[in-house]
Amino acid sequence: MGNTEGAGKEHPTQKPLPLMLWCLSFLPKAQTILDHFMGSGTTGVACANLGREFIGIEREPKYFDIACRRIARAQAQGQLLPPEPVAAPEQQTMEL
């Protein structure tokens, strides 16, 4: 997996968008998501794709600006395709 925007990473610890979509699938009833270490805004982009509200906090102005630009682009674009269903996690047993 990589950055789905094709521009490469814009933050040293940037997460792939599919990973954040998967993480948010564990919170199906959450309407507003808070990311207090927003970085380049991947969680905000995922929220925009899912139609959820997002609150992001980032102390570095450079990354705050990048996040705002990415989230605004995701909100303007809207969701082109319905999200793919994510399988619910299943606890596996280990036989010894």
C-alpha atoms as a PDB file:
ATOM      1  CA  MET A   1       0.000   0.000   0.000  1.00  0.00           C
ATOM      2  CA  GLY A   2       1.140   3.509  -0.601  1.00  0.00           C
ATOM      3  CA  ASN A   3      -0.140   7.007  -0.742  1.00  0.00           C
ATOM      4  CA  THR A   4      -3.166   6.832  -2.997  1.00  0.00           C
ATOM      5  CA  GLU A   5      -2.650  10.384  -4.182  1.00  0.00           C
ATOM      6  CA  GLY A   6       0.449   9.392  -6.150  1.00  0.00           C
ATOM      7  CA  ALA A   7       2.580  12.252  -4.848  1.00  0.00           C
ATOM      8  CA  GLY A   8       4.516  10.206  -2.310  1.00  0.00           C
ATOM      9  CA  LYS A   9       4.566  10.818   1.392  1.00  0.00           C
ATOM     10  CA  GLU A  10       4.156  14.364   2.629  1.00  0.00           C
ATOM     11  CA  HIS A  11       4.901  13.473   6.272  1.00  0.00           C
ATOM     12  CA  PRO A  12       7.573  11.142   7.739  1.00  0.00           C
ATOM     13  CA  THR A  13       5.001   8.883   9.423  1.00  0.00           C
ATOM     14  CA  GLN A  14       2.147   9.246   6.915  1.00  0.00           C
ATOM     15  CA  LYS A  15      -0.223   6.296   6.937  1.00  0.00           C
ATOM     16  CA  PRO A  16      -1.829   4.798   3.824  1.00  0.00           C
ATOM     17  CA  LEU A  17      -5.434   5.871   3.267  1.00  0.00           C
ATOM     18  CA  PRO A  18      -6.742   2.258   3.127  1.00  0.00           C
ATOM     19  CA  LEU A  19      -5.262   1.677   6.604  1.00  0.00           C
ATOM     20  CA  MET A  20      -7.133   4.648   8.058  1.00  0.00           C
ATOM     21  CA  LEU A  21     -10.370   3.564   6.354  1.00  0.00           C
ATOM     22  CA  TRP A  22      -9.883   0.122   7.934  1.00  0.00           C
ATOM     23  CA  CYS A  23      -9.254   1.664  11.370  1.00  0.00           C
ATOM     24  CA  LEU A  24     -12.399   3.783  11.122  1.00  0.00           C
ATOM     25  CA  SER A  25     -14.416   0.679  10.241  1.00  0.00           C
ATOM     26  CA  PHE A  26     -14.054  -0.330  13.900  1.00  0.00           C
ATOM     27  CA  LEU A  27     -16.050   2.792  14.872  1.00  0.00           C
ATOM     28  CA  PRO A  28     -19.185   2.501  12.730  1.00  0.00           C
ATOM     29  CA  LYS A  29     -21.320   4.684  15.014  1.00  0.00           C
ATOM     30  CA  ALA A  30     -18.763   7.480  15.462  1.00  0.00           C
ATOM     31  CA  GLN A  31     -19.894  10.575  13.577  1.00  0.00           C
ATOM     32  CA  THR A  32     -17.004  12.841  14.585  1.00  0.00           C
ATOM     33  CA  ILE A  33     -13.379  11.702  14.705  1.00  0.00           C
ATOM     34  CA  LEU A  34     -10.634  13.544  16.623  1.00  0.00           C
ATOM     35  CA  ASP A  35      -7.006  13.159  15.534  1.00  0.00           C
ATOM     36  CA  HIS A  36      -4.813  15.074  17.959  1.00  0.00           C
ATOM     37  CA  PHE A  37      -1.641  14.298  15.978  1.00  0.00           C
ATOM     38  CA  MET A  38      -3.032  15.089  12.520  1.00  0.00           C
ATOM     39  CA  GLY A  39       0.232  15.169  10.560  1.00  0.00           C
ATOM     40  CA  SER A  40      -0.590  15.383   6.867  1.00  0.00           C
ATOM     41  CA  GLY A  41      -4.285  14.616   7.428  1.00  0.00           C
ATOM     42  CA  THR A  42      -4.819  11.044   6.236  1.00  0.00           C
ATOM     43  CA  THR A  43      -7.435  10.432   8.928  1.00  0.00           C
ATOM     44  CA  GLY A  44      -9.241  13.592   7.807  1.00  0.00           C
ATOM     45  CA  VAL A  45      -9.178  12.417   4.189  1.00  0.00           C
ATOM     46  CA  ALA A  46     -10.623   9.065   5.295  1.00  0.00           C
ATOM     47  CA  CYS A  47     -13.380  10.885   7.201  1.00  0.00           C
ATOM     48  CA  ALA A  48     -14.184  12.974   4.131  1.00  0.00           C
ATOM     49  CA  ASN A  49     -14.455   9.783   2.086  1.00  0.00           C
ATOM     50  CA  LEU A  50     -16.808   8.258   4.668  1.00  0.00           C
ATOM     51  CA  GLY A  51     -18.935  11.369   5.187  1.00  0.00           C
ATOM     52  CA  ARG A  52     -17.873  11.796   8.811  1.00  0.00           C
ATOM     53  CA  GLU A  53     -17.007  14.964  10.681  1.00  0.00           C
ATOM     54  CA  PHE A  54     -13.337  15.461  11.541  1.00  0.00           C
ATOM     55  CA  ILE A  55     -11.400  17.514  14.075  1.00  0.00           C
ATOM     56  CA  GLY A  56      -7.630  17.605  13.596  1.00  0.00           C
ATOM     57  CA  ILE A  57      -4.882  19.125  15.720  1.00  0.00           C
ATOM     58  CA  GLU A  58      -1.344  19.647  14.397  1.00  0.00           C
ATOM     59  CA  ARG A  59       1.313  21.887  15.938  1.00  0.00           C
ATOM     60  CA  GLU A  60       3.606  22.111  12.906  1.00  0.00           C
ATOM     61  CA  PRO A  61       2.296  24.808  10.513  1.00  0.00           C
ATOM     62  CA  LYS A  62       3.828  23.065   7.488  1.00  0.00           C
ATOM     63  CA  TYR A  63       1.932  19.826   8.114  1.00  0.00           C
ATOM     64  CA  PHE A  64      -1.238  21.655   9.189  1.00  0.00           C
ATOM     65  CA  ASP A  65      -1.298  23.411   5.800  1.00  0.00           C
ATOM     66  CA  ILE A  66      -0.691  20.137   3.948  1.00  0.00           C
ATOM     67  CA  ALA A  67      -3.501  18.453   5.909  1.00  0.00           C
ATOM     68  CA  CYS A  68      -5.927  21.290   5.218  1.00  0.00           C
ATOM     69  CA  ARG A  69      -5.157  21.128   1.499  1.00  0.00           C
ATOM     70  CA  ARG A  70      -5.566  17.310   1.348  1.00  0.00           C
ATOM     71  CA  ILE A  71      -8.812  17.309   3.342  1.00  0.00           C
ATOM     72  CA  ALA A  72     -10.293  20.175   1.316  1.00  0.00           C
ATOM     73  CA  ARG A  73      -9.430  18.295  -1.898  1.00  0.00           C
ATOM     74  CA  ALA A  74     -11.079  15.118  -0.567  1.00  0.00           C
ATOM     75  CA  GLN A  75     -14.198  17.035   0.486  1.00  0.00           C
ATOM     76  CA  ALA A  76     -14.443  18.801  -2.875  1.00  0.00           C
ATOM     77  CA  GLN A  77     -14.007  15.577  -4.811  1.00  0.00           C
ATOM     78  CA  GLY A  78     -16.567  13.648  -2.826  1.00  0.00           C
ATOM     79  CA  GLN A  79     -16.807   9.914  -2.948  1.00  0.00           C
ATOM     80  CA  LEU A  80     -16.648   8.602  -6.497  1.00  0.00           C
ATOM     81  CA  LEU A  81     -17.298   4.964  -5.642  1.00  0.00           C
ATOM     82  CA  PRO A  82     -19.059   3.381  -2.681  1.00  0.00           C
ATOM     83  CA  PRO A  83     -16.614   2.127  -0.051  1.00  0.00           C
ATOM     84  CA  GLU A  84     -15.600  -1.482  -0.321  1.00  0.00           C
ATOM     85  CA  PRO A  85     -16.914  -3.523   2.587  1.00  0.00           C
ATOM     86  CA  VAL A  86     -14.289  -4.280   5.187  1.00  0.00           C
ATOM     87  CA  ALA A  87     -14.441  -7.705   6.756  1.00  0.00           C
ATOM     88  CA  ALA A  88     -14.955  -7.689  10.502  1.00  0.00           C
ATOM     89  CA  PRO A  89     -11.879  -8.823  12.417  1.00  0.00           C
ATOM     90  CA  GLU A  90     -12.036 -12.374  13.646  1.00  0.00           C
ATOM     91  CA  GLN A  91     -10.050 -13.792  16.554  1.00  0.00           C
ATOM     92  CA  GLN A  92      -8.086 -16.790  15.384  1.00  0.00           C
ATOM     93  CA  THR A  93      -7.196 -19.622  17.716  1.00  0.00           C
ATOM     94  CA  MET A  94      -3.804 -21.224  17.829  1.00  0.00           C
ATOM     95  CA  GLU A  95      -3.576 -24.939  18.312  1.00  0.00           C
ATOM     96  CA  LEU A  96      -0.459 -26.186  20.031  1.00  0.00           C
END
